[in-house]
Structure formats: structure tokens, C-alpha cells
Amino acid sequence: MKPYFEETIKESTPSLIVFVSAAGQDAVEVKYLTEELQAKYAGKVNIQRVDVSFNHKIAEKYRIHEYPTWVLFKKNEELMRESNRKTVTELSEMIERAL
């Protein structure tokens, strides 16, 4: 079974996927950031968290080596990638470039 986000990134609507590790210190902060972004961009951008702690193959497939890693996709194409801590403003700027 494919992870749900792999179907989402194929859509024409931009998708911001954040790859996290449940053991990482930033997991709680990322949760709040993604919730804020989901509210701000409802209907315009798909935003999802993917915990790679239980599926290392996902991290390998998408070459994720740091957590969190934020990847913006559109029509199954990677548009941008950022790693480490980000603010809502930084992530919003990333999203706005894709809209």
C-alpha cells in the first residue's frame, strides 16, 4: 500500500510535505506549524506530516537526511526543499512561490 501523501503529491494543487522523526525534538513544533499552515492555506495547498520513524524506505526514496525536511510538490514534481526549523513566515514564502 502506498503512503497517502504519494497520491496527494500527484495533484495539481501544491503539497507541502514535512518529513519528521517521532523521536526528533521538533515533532511537536512541526505539528503546530502544519496546523497553522493548514488553516491559512485551506483549499489552496495540501499540507501533511510524514513520520519516517516507522518507514525508513520513505526517507531513502525521498533522500531525507535531516529532520524536519519540508518538500513542496506539484504534479509529482519536487519544486522546493528546505531542512531544519522554519517559521510560519518562511514556510508561507515557500508556499506562495508555488501558487
PDB file of N, CA and C in Angstrom:
ATOM      1  N   MET A   1       0.836  -1.189   0.000  1.00  0.00           N
ATOM      2  CA  MET A   1       0.000   0.000   0.000  1.00  0.00           C
ATOM      3  C   MET A   1       0.873   1.243   0.000  1.00  0.00           C
ATOM      4  N   LYS A   2       0.599   2.172  -0.907  1.00  0.00           N
ATOM      5  CA  LYS A   2       1.357   3.410  -0.976  1.00  0.00           C
ATOM      6  C   LYS A   2       0.934   4.337   0.154  1.00  0.00           C
ATOM      7  N   PRO A   3       1.893   5.095   0.692  1.00  0.00           N
ATOM      8  CA  PRO A   3       1.506   6.109   1.671  1.00  0.00           C
ATOM      9  C   PRO A   3       0.561   7.122   1.026  1.00  0.00           C
ATOM     10  N   TYR A   4      -0.366   7.630   1.807  1.00  0.00           N
ATOM     11  CA  TYR A   4      -1.373   8.565   1.314  1.00  0.00           C
ATOM     12  C   TYR A   4      -0.748   9.784   0.641  1.00  0.00           C
ATOM     13  N   PHE A   5       0.348  10.305   1.201  1.00  0.00           N
ATOM     14  CA  PHE A   5       0.932  11.520   0.634  1.00  0.00           C
ATOM     15  C   PHE A   5       1.435  11.305  -0.787  1.00  0.00           C
ATOM     16  N   GLU A   6       1.810  10.083  -1.159  1.00  0.00           N
ATOM     17  CA  GLU A   6       2.293   9.830  -2.512  1.00  0.00           C
ATOM     18  C   GLU A   6       1.182   9.997  -3.550  1.00  0.00           C
ATOM     19  N   GLU A   7      -0.056   9.816  -3.163  1.00  0.00           N
ATOM     20  CA  GLU A   7      -1.177  10.101  -4.054  1.00  0.00           C
ATOM     21  C   GLU A   7      -1.429  11.605  -4.101  1.00  0.00           C
ATOM     22  N   THR A   8      -1.296  12.260  -2.967  1.00  0.00           N
ATOM     23  CA  THR A   8      -1.547  13.695  -2.858  1.00  0.00           C
ATOM     24  C   THR A   8      -0.567  14.505  -3.698  1.00  0.00           C
ATOM     25  N   ILE A   9       0.706  14.140  -3.712  1.00  0.00           N
ATOM     26  CA  ILE A   9       1.705  14.946  -4.420  1.00  0.00           C
ATOM     27  C   ILE A   9       1.542  14.904  -5.931  1.00  0.00           C
ATOM     28  N   LYS A  10       0.718  14.004  -6.427  1.00  0.00           N
ATOM     29  CA  LYS A  10       0.461  13.917  -7.871  1.00  0.00           C
ATOM     30  C   LYS A  10      -0.542  14.971  -8.336  1.00  0.00           C
ATOM     31  N   GLU A  11      -1.268  15.569  -7.413  1.00  0.00           N
ATOM     32  CA  GLU A  11      -2.324  16.517  -7.751  1.00  0.00           C
ATOM     33  C   GLU A  11      -1.747  17.832  -8.273  1.00  0.00           C
ATOM     34  N   SER A  12      -2.584  18.614  -8.952  1.00  0.00           N
ATOM     35  CA  SER A  12      -2.150  19.920  -9.450  1.00  0.00           C
ATOM     36  C   SER A  12      -2.118  20.962  -8.334  1.00  0.00           C
ATOM     37  N   THR A  13      -2.770  20.668  -7.224  1.00  0.00           N
ATOM     38  CA  THR A  13      -2.686  21.537  -6.049  1.00  0.00           C
ATOM     39  C   THR A  13      -1.329  21.302  -5.385  1.00  0.00           C
ATOM     40  N   PRO A  14      -0.595  22.355  -5.051  1.00  0.00           N
ATOM     41  CA  PRO A  14       0.692  22.156  -4.381  1.00  0.00           C
ATOM     42  C   PRO A  14       0.521  21.384  -3.069  1.00  0.00           C
ATOM     43  N   SER A  15       1.525  20.594  -2.742  1.00  0.00           N
ATOM     44  CA  SER A  15       1.525  19.826  -1.492  1.00  0.00           C
ATOM     45  C   SER A  15       2.824  20.084  -0.757  1.00  0.00           C
ATOM     46  N   LEU A  16       2.706  20.543   0.481  1.00  0.00           N
ATOM     47  CA  LEU A  16       3.871  20.718   1.335  1.00  0.00           C
ATOM     48  C   LEU A  16       3.909  19.532   2.282  1.00  0.00           C
ATOM     49  N   ILE A  17       4.925  18.714   2.117  1.00  0.00           N
ATOM     50  CA  ILE A  17       5.085  17.523   2.941  1.00  0.00           C
ATOM     51  C   ILE A  17       6.262  17.754   3.870  1.00  0.00           C
ATOM     52  N   VAL A  18       6.041  17.549   5.153  1.00  0.00           N
ATOM     53  CA  VAL A  18       7.142  17.673   6.105  1.00  0.00           C
ATOM     54  C   VAL A  18       7.468  16.277   6.625  1.00  0.00           C
ATOM     55  N   PHE A  19       8.704  15.891   6.436  1.00  0.00           N
ATOM     56  CA  PHE A  19       9.185  14.599   6.890  1.00  0.00           C
ATOM     57  C   PHE A  19       9.799  14.795   8.273  1.00  0.00           C
ATOM     58  N   VAL A  20       9.276  14.052   9.235  1.00  0.00           N
ATOM     59  CA  VAL A  20       9.733  14.168  10.619  1.00  0.00           C
ATOM     60  C   VAL A  20      10.062  12.788  11.171  1.00  0.00           C
ATOM     61  N   SER A  21      10.772  12.814  12.276  1.00  0.00           N
ATOM     62  CA  SER A  21      11.033  11.600  13.037  1.00  0.00           C
ATOM     63  C   SER A  21      10.372  11.797  14.390  1.00  0.00           C
ATOM     64  N   ALA A  22       9.547  10.851  14.793  1.00  0.00           N
ATOM     65  CA  ALA A  22       8.829  10.978  16.062  1.00  0.00           C
ATOM     66  C   ALA A  22       9.787  11.171  17.226  1.00  0.00           C
ATOM     67  N   ALA A  23      10.989  10.652  17.084  1.00  0.00           N
ATOM     68  CA  ALA A  23      11.985  10.783  18.142  1.00  0.00           C
ATOM     69  C   ALA A  23      12.656  12.153  18.131  1.00  0.00           C
ATOM     70  N   GLY A  24      12.417  12.937  17.086  1.00  0.00           N
ATOM     71  CA  GLY A  24      13.056  14.249  16.962  1.00  0.00           C
ATOM     72  C   GLY A  24      12.480  15.271  17.922  1.00  0.00           C
ATOM     73  N   GLN A  25      13.301  16.219  18.295  1.00  0.00           N
ATOM     74  CA  GLN A  25      12.896  17.269  19.221  1.00  0.00           C
ATOM     75  C   GLN A  25      11.857  18.198  18.615  1.00  0.00           C
ATOM     76  N   ASP A  26      11.835  18.302  17.303  1.00  0.00           N
ATOM     77  CA  ASP A  26      10.982  19.271  16.636  1.00  0.00           C
ATOM     78  C   ASP A  26       9.584  18.760  16.306  1.00  0.00           C
ATOM     79  N   ALA A  27       9.267  17.535  16.658  1.00  0.00           N
ATOM     80  CA  ALA A  27       7.993  16.926  16.253  1.00  0.00           C
ATOM     81  C   ALA A  27       6.782  17.729  16.728  1.00  0.00           C
ATOM     82  N   VAL A  28       6.807  18.225  17.953  1.00  0.00           N
ATOM     83  CA  VAL A  28       5.671  18.985  18.479  1.00  0.00           C
ATOM     84  C   VAL A  28       5.575  20.344  17.784  1.00  0.00           C
ATOM     85  N   GLU A  29       6.702  21.008  17.619  1.00  0.00           N
ATOM     86  CA  GLU A  29       6.722  22.308  16.939  1.00  0.00           C
ATOM     87  C   GLU A  29       6.199  22.170  15.511  1.00  0.00           C
ATOM     88  N   VAL A  30       6.605  21.119  14.823  1.00  0.00           N
ATOM     89  CA  VAL A  30       6.159  20.879  13.457  1.00  0.00           C
ATOM     90  C   VAL A  30       4.654  20.674  13.417  1.00  0.00           C
ATOM     91  N   LYS A  31       4.122  19.982  14.391  1.00  0.00           N
ATOM     92  CA  LYS A  31       2.673  19.757  14.458  1.00  0.00           C
ATOM     93  C   LYS A  31       1.926  21.091  14.481  1.00  0.00           C
ATOM     94  N   TYR A  32       2.365  22.014  15.331  1.00  0.00           N
ATOM     95  CA  TYR A  32       1.697  23.315  15.423  1.00  0.00           C
ATOM     96  C   TYR A  32       1.892  24.154  14.164  1.00  0.00           C
ATOM     97  N   LEU A  33       3.071  24.104  13.583  1.00  0.00           N
ATOM     98  CA  LEU A  33       3.318  24.832  12.337  1.00  0.00           C
ATOM     99  C   LEU A  33       2.415  24.332  11.218  1.00  0.00           C
ATOM    100  N   THR A  34       2.313  23.017  11.074  1.00  0.00           N
ATOM    101  CA  THR A  34       1.487  22.477   9.992  1.00  0.00           C
ATOM    102  C   THR A  34       0.007  22.788  10.219  1.00  0.00           C
ATOM    103  N   GLU A  35      -0.435  22.762  11.462  1.00  0.00           N
ATOM    104  CA  GLU A  35      -1.836  23.109  11.740  1.00  0.00           C
ATOM    105  C   GLU A  35      -2.118  24.561  11.383  1.00  0.00           C
ATOM    106  N   GLU A  36      -1.183  25.457  11.699  1.00  0.00           N
ATOM    107  CA  GLU A  36      -1.361  26.867  11.365  1.00  0.00           C
ATOM    108  C   GLU A  36      -1.372  27.070   9.846  1.00  0.00           C
ATOM    109  N   LEU A  37      -0.473  26.390   9.155  1.00  0.00           N
ATOM    110  CA  LEU A  37      -0.429  26.498   7.698  1.00  0.00           C
ATOM    111  C   LEU A  37      -1.676  25.895   7.049  1.00  0.00           C
ATOM    112  N   GLN A  38      -2.181  24.791   7.608  1.00  0.00           N
ATOM    113  CA  GLN A  38      -3.403  24.183   7.077  1.00  0.00           C
ATOM    114  C   GLN A  38      -4.566  25.150   7.179  1.00  0.00           C
ATOM    115  N   ALA A  39      -4.659  25.870   8.271  1.00  0.00           N
ATOM    116  CA  ALA A  39      -5.736  26.848   8.437  1.00  0.00           C
ATOM    117  C   ALA A  39      -5.566  28.017   7.458  1.00  0.00           C
ATOM    118  N   LYS A  40      -4.346  28.473   7.301  1.00  0.00           N
ATOM    119  CA  LYS A  40      -4.055  29.624   6.433  1.00  0.00           C
ATOM    120  C   LYS A  40      -4.269  29.307   4.954  1.00  0.00           C
ATOM    121  N   TYR A  41      -3.931  28.087   4.533  1.00  0.00           N
ATOM    122  CA  TYR A  41      -3.975  27.729   3.117  1.00  0.00           C
ATOM    123  C   TYR A  41      -5.037  26.678   2.796  1.00  0.00           C
ATOM    124  N   ALA A  42      -6.065  26.603   3.595  1.00  0.00           N
ATOM    125  CA  ALA A  42      -7.135  25.618   3.378  1.00  0.00           C
ATOM    126  C   ALA A  42      -7.684  25.729   1.959  1.00  0.00           C
ATOM    127  N   GLY A  43      -7.722  24.608   1.256  1.00  0.00           N
ATOM    128  CA  GLY A  43      -8.245  24.566  -0.096  1.00  0.00           C
ATOM    129  C   GLY A  43      -7.257  24.988  -1.176  1.00  0.00           C
ATOM    130  N   LYS A  44      -6.118  25.542  -0.774  1.00  0.00           N
ATOM    131  CA  LYS A  44      -5.123  26.011  -1.748  1.00  0.00           C
ATOM    132  C   LYS A  44      -3.882  25.125  -1.794  1.00  0.00           C
ATOM    133  N   VAL A  45      -3.553  24.517  -0.648  1.00  0.00           N
ATOM    134  CA  VAL A  45      -2.342  23.710  -0.530  1.00  0.00           C
ATOM    135  C   VAL A  45      -2.634  22.521   0.369  1.00  0.00           C
ATOM    136  N   ASN A  46      -2.158  21.353  -0.034  1.00  0.00           N
ATOM    137  CA  ASN A  46      -2.228  20.170   0.826  1.00  0.00           C
ATOM    138  C   ASN A  46      -0.999  20.193   1.729  1.00  0.00           C
ATOM    139  N   ILE A  47      -1.207  20.040   3.021  1.00  0.00           N
ATOM    140  CA  ILE A  47      -0.089  20.051   3.963  1.00  0.00           C
ATOM    141  C   ILE A  47      -0.184  18.805   4.820  1.00  0.00           C
ATOM    142  N   GLN A  48       0.903  18.032   4.833  1.00  0.00           N
ATOM    143  CA  GLN A  48       0.893  16.774   5.588  1.00  0.00           C
ATOM    144  C   GLN A  48       2.232  16.552   6.284  1.00  0.00           C
ATOM    145  N   ARG A  49       2.148  15.874   7.411  1.00  0.00           N
ATOM    146  CA  ARG A  49       3.350  15.414   8.121  1.00  0.00           C
ATOM    147  C   ARG A  49       3.514  13.929   7.826  1.00  0.00           C
ATOM    148  N   VAL A  50       4.757  13.526   7.578  1.00  0.00           N
ATOM    149  CA  VAL A  50       5.063  12.119   7.350  1.00  0.00           C
ATOM    150  C   VAL A  50       6.135  11.723   8.352  1.00  0.00           C
ATOM    151  N   ASP A  51       5.799  10.796   9.226  1.00  0.00           N
ATOM    152  CA  ASP A  51       6.749  10.303  10.219  1.00  0.00           C
ATOM    153  C   ASP A  51       7.512   9.138   9.603  1.00  0.00           C
ATOM    154  N   VAL A  52       8.789   9.345   9.381  1.00  0.00           N
ATOM    155  CA  VAL A  52       9.603   8.304   8.751  1.00  0.00           C
ATOM    156  C   VAL A  52      10.184   7.327   9.767  1.00  0.00           C
ATOM    157  N   SER A  53       9.861   7.507  11.035  1.00  0.00           N
ATOM    158  CA  SER A  53      10.384   6.631  12.086  1.00  0.00           C
ATOM    159  C   SER A  53      10.017   5.171  11.850  1.00  0.00           C
ATOM    160  N   PHE A  54       8.848   4.959  11.258  1.00  0.00           N
ATOM    161  CA  PHE A  54       8.349   3.605  11.078  1.00  0.00           C
ATOM    162  C   PHE A  54       8.531   3.087   9.657  1.00  0.00           C
ATOM    163  N   ASN A  55       9.046   3.943   8.771  1.00  0.00           N
ATOM    164  CA  ASN A  55       9.244   3.520   7.395  1.00  0.00           C
ATOM    165  C   ASN A  55      10.472   4.217   6.822  1.00  0.00           C
ATOM    166  N   HIS A  56      11.614   3.610   7.029  1.00  0.00           N
ATOM    167  CA  HIS A  56      12.875   4.188   6.572  1.00  0.00           C
ATOM    168  C   HIS A  56      12.976   4.220   5.051  1.00  0.00           C
ATOM    169  N   LYS A  57      12.190   3.391   4.383  1.00  0.00           N
ATOM    170  CA  LYS A  57      12.223   3.378   2.921  1.00  0.00           C
ATOM    171  C   LYS A  57      11.734   4.705   2.345  1.00  0.00           C
ATOM    172  N   ILE A  58      10.787   5.340   3.020  1.00  0.00           N
ATOM    173  CA  ILE A  58      10.304   6.648   2.565  1.00  0.00           C
ATOM    174  C   ILE A  58      11.438   7.661   2.621  1.00  0.00           C
ATOM    175  N   ALA A  59      12.183   7.662   3.723  1.00  0.00           N
ATOM    176  CA  ALA A  59      13.310   8.583   3.865  1.00  0.00           C
ATOM    177  C   ALA A  59      14.346   8.324   2.773  1.00  0.00           C
ATOM    178  N   GLU A  60      14.602   7.077   2.483  1.00  0.00           N
ATOM    179  CA  GLU A  60      15.560   6.731   1.423  1.00  0.00           C
ATOM    180  C   GLU A  60      15.048   7.186   0.055  1.00  0.00           C
ATOM    181  N   LYS A  61      13.794   6.895  -0.220  1.00  0.00           N
ATOM    182  CA  LYS A  61      13.224   7.226  -1.528  1.00  0.00           C
ATOM    183  C   LYS A  61      13.290   8.721  -1.818  1.00  0.00           C
ATOM    184  N   TYR A  62      13.009   9.544  -0.798  1.00  0.00           N
ATOM    185  CA  TYR A  62      12.979  10.992  -0.995  1.00  0.00           C
ATOM    186  C   TYR A  62      14.266  11.679  -0.515  1.00  0.00           C
ATOM    187  N   ARG A  63      15.299  10.891  -0.255  1.00  0.00           N
ATOM    188  CA  ARG A  63      16.610  11.399   0.150  1.00  0.00           C
ATOM    189  C   ARG A  63      16.509  12.364   1.334  1.00  0.00           C
ATOM    190  N   ILE A  64      15.831  11.922   2.373  1.00  0.00           N
ATOM    191  CA  ILE A  64      15.654  12.728   3.577  1.00  0.00           C
ATOM    192  C   ILE A  64      16.736  12.327   4.571  1.00  0.00           C
ATOM    193  N   HIS A  65      17.572  13.293   4.925  1.00  0.00           N
ATOM    194  CA  HIS A  65      18.683  13.020   5.834  1.00  0.00           C
ATOM    195  C   HIS A  65      18.645  13.885   7.090  1.00  0.00           C
ATOM    196  N   GLU A  66      17.810  14.930   7.076  1.00  0.00           N
ATOM    197  CA  GLU A  66      17.669  15.820   8.224  1.00  0.00           C
ATOM    198  C   GLU A  66      16.190  15.946   8.565  1.00  0.00           C
ATOM    199  N   TYR A  67      15.925  16.227   9.824  1.00  0.00           N
ATOM    200  CA  TYR A  67      14.529  16.375  10.269  1.00  0.00           C
ATOM    201  C   TYR A  67      14.369  17.666  11.031  1.00  0.00           C
ATOM    202  N   PRO A  68      13.319  18.379  10.781  1.00  0.00           N
ATOM    203  CA  PRO A  68      12.341  18.140   9.723  1.00  0.00           C
ATOM    204  C   PRO A  68      12.885  18.567   8.361  1.00  0.00           C
ATOM    205  N   THR A  69      12.353  17.952   7.324  1.00  0.00           N
ATOM    206  CA  THR A  69      12.622  18.377   5.947  1.00  0.00           C
ATOM    207  C   THR A  69      11.278  18.686   5.308  1.00  0.00           C
ATOM    208  N   TRP A  70      11.178  19.880   4.754  1.00  0.00           N
ATOM    209  CA  TRP A  70       9.962  20.395   4.125  1.00  0.00           C
ATOM    210  C   TRP A  70      10.139  20.296   2.617  1.00  0.00           C
ATOM    211  N   VAL A  71       9.254  19.564   1.938  1.00  0.00           N
ATOM    212  CA  VAL A  71       9.358  19.406   0.488  1.00  0.00           C
ATOM    213  C   VAL A  71       8.030  19.833  -0.132  1.00  0.00           C
ATOM    214  N   LEU A  72       8.125  20.725  -1.107  1.00  0.00           N
ATOM    215  CA  LEU A  72       6.945  21.218  -1.801  1.00  0.00           C
ATOM    216  C   LEU A  72       6.855  20.516  -3.157  1.00  0.00           C
ATOM    217  N   PHE A  73       5.733  19.845  -3.382  1.00  0.00           N
ATOM    218  CA  PHE A  73       5.489  19.096  -4.611  1.00  0.00           C
ATOM    219  C   PHE A  73       4.312  19.699  -5.364  1.00  0.00           C
ATOM    220  N   LYS A  74       4.317  19.502  -6.662  1.00  0.00           N
ATOM    221  CA  LYS A  74       3.158  19.830  -7.501  1.00  0.00           C
ATOM    222  C   LYS A  74       3.228  18.927  -8.717  1.00  0.00           C
ATOM    223  N   LYS A  75       2.156  18.209  -8.995  1.00  0.00           N
ATOM    224  CA  LYS A  75       2.095  17.259 -10.109  1.00  0.00           C
ATOM    225  C   LYS A  75       3.261  16.278 -10.056  1.00  0.00           C
ATOM    226  N   ASN A  76       3.531  15.774  -8.877  1.00  0.00           N
ATOM    227  CA  ASN A  76       4.557  14.756  -8.628  1.00  0.00           C
ATOM    228  C   ASN A  76       5.989  15.260  -8.863  1.00  0.00           C
ATOM    229  N   GLU A  77       6.153  16.572  -8.963  1.00  0.00           N
ATOM    230  CA  GLU A  77       7.473  17.163  -9.168  1.00  0.00           C
ATOM    231  C   GLU A  77       7.880  17.919  -7.904  1.00  0.00           C
ATOM    232  N   GLU A  78       9.094  17.705  -7.476  1.00  0.00           N
ATOM    233  CA  GLU A  78       9.611  18.438  -6.326  1.00  0.00           C
ATOM    234  C   GLU A  78       9.970  19.845  -6.772  1.00  0.00           C
ATOM    235  N   LEU A  79       9.326  20.847  -6.155  1.00  0.00           N
ATOM    236  CA  LEU A  79       9.576  22.235  -6.514  1.00  0.00           C
ATOM    237  C   LEU A  79      10.638  22.875  -5.623  1.00  0.00           C
ATOM    238  N   MET A  80      10.571  22.597  -4.332  1.00  0.00           N
ATOM    239  CA  MET A  80      11.491  23.191  -3.368  1.00  0.00           C
ATOM    240  C   MET A  80      11.698  22.245  -2.203  1.00  0.00           C
ATOM    241  N   ARG A  81      12.821  22.464  -1.518  1.00  0.00           N
ATOM    242  CA  ARG A  81      13.131  21.653  -0.349  1.00  0.00           C
ATOM    243  C   ARG A  81      13.895  22.515   0.647  1.00  0.00           C
ATOM    244  N   GLU A  82      13.502  22.421   1.902  1.00  0.00           N
ATOM    245  CA  GLU A  82      14.182  23.114   2.995  1.00  0.00           C
ATOM    246  C   GLU A  82      14.295  22.140   4.162  1.00  0.00           C
ATOM    247  N   SER A  83      15.345  22.268   4.918  1.00  0.00           N
ATOM    248  CA  SER A  83      15.529  21.404   6.084  1.00  0.00           C
ATOM    249  C   SER A  83      15.672  22.236   7.343  1.00  0.00           C
ATOM    250  N   ASN A  84      15.464  21.572   8.451  1.00  0.00           N
ATOM    251  CA  ASN A  84      15.610  22.145   9.790  1.00  0.00           C
ATOM    252  C   ASN A  84      14.446  23.049  10.158  1.00  0.00           C
ATOM    253  N   ARG A  85      14.582  23.731  11.268  1.00  0.00           N
ATOM    254  CA  ARG A  85      13.500  24.571  11.784  1.00  0.00           C
ATOM    255  C   ARG A  85      13.173  25.714  10.838  1.00  0.00           C
ATOM    256  N   LYS A  86      11.889  25.962  10.692  1.00  0.00           N
ATOM    257  CA  LYS A  86      11.394  27.057   9.863  1.00  0.00           C
ATOM    258  C   LYS A  86      10.278  27.763  10.604  1.00  0.00           C
ATOM    259  N   THR A  87      10.075  29.023  10.278  1.00  0.00           N
ATOM    260  CA  THR A  87       8.971  29.783  10.855  1.00  0.00           C
ATOM    261  C   THR A  87       7.771  29.700   9.914  1.00  0.00           C
ATOM    262  N   VAL A  88       6.616  30.105  10.394  1.00  0.00           N
ATOM    263  CA  VAL A  88       5.430  30.148   9.543  1.00  0.00           C
ATOM    264  C   VAL A  88       5.678  31.099   8.386  1.00  0.00           C
ATOM    265  N   THR A  89       6.351  32.201   8.647  1.00  0.00           N
ATOM    266  CA  THR A  89       6.647  33.173   7.598  1.00  0.00           C
ATOM    267  C   THR A  89       7.527  32.560   6.514  1.00  0.00           C
ATOM    268  N   GLU A  90       8.567  31.858   6.899  1.00  0.00           N
ATOM    269  CA  GLU A  90       9.462  31.224   5.920  1.00  0.00           C
ATOM    270  C   GLU A  90       8.717  30.180   5.095  1.00  0.00           C
ATOM    271  N   LEU A  91       7.886  29.392   5.750  1.00  0.00           N
ATOM    272  CA  LEU A  91       7.132  28.357   5.040  1.00  0.00           C
ATOM    273  C   LEU A  91       6.061  28.978   4.145  1.00  0.00           C
ATOM    274  N   SER A  92       5.458  30.059   4.603  1.00  0.00           N
ATOM    275  CA  SER A  92       4.462  30.759   3.783  1.00  0.00           C
ATOM    276  C   SER A  92       5.101  31.307   2.515  1.00  0.00           C
ATOM    277  N   GLU A  93       6.308  31.851   2.636  1.00  0.00           N
ATOM    278  CA  GLU A  93       7.024  32.364   1.459  1.00  0.00           C
ATOM    279  C   GLU A  93       7.299  31.231   0.475  1.00  0.00           C
ATOM    280  N   MET A  94       7.653  30.087   1.000  1.00  0.00           N
ATOM    281  CA  MET A  94       7.905  28.914   0.162  1.00  0.00           C
ATOM    282  C   MET A  94       6.631  28.521  -0.590  1.00  0.00           C
ATOM    283  N   ILE A  95       5.531  28.497   0.119  1.00  0.00           N
ATOM    284  CA  ILE A  95       4.243  28.123  -0.472  1.00  0.00           C
ATOM    285  C   ILE A  95       3.810  29.156  -1.515  1.00  0.00           C
ATOM    286  N   GLU A  96       3.942  30.418  -1.189  1.00  0.00           N
ATOM    287  CA  GLU A  96       3.493  31.487  -2.089  1.00  0.00           C
ATOM    288  C   GLU A  96       4.203  31.421  -3.437  1.00  0.00           C
ATOM    289  N   ARG A  97       5.464  30.997  -3.442  1.00  0.00           N
ATOM    290  CA  ARG A  97       6.200  30.885  -4.709  1.00  0.00           C
ATOM    291  C   ARG A  97       5.609  29.809  -5.610  1.00  0.00           C
ATOM    292  N   ALA A  98       4.903  28.853  -5.020  1.00  0.00           N
ATOM    293  CA  ALA A  98       4.321  27.754  -5.804  1.00  0.00           C
ATOM    294  C   ALA A  98       2.896  28.030  -6.252  1.00  0.00           C
ATOM    295  N   LEU A  99       2.267  29.016  -5.668  1.00  0.00           N
ATOM    296  CA  LEU A  99       0.862  29.292  -6.017  1.00  0.00           C
ATOM    297  C   LEU A  99       0.740  30.132  -7.282  1.00  0.00           C
TER     298      LEU A  99
END
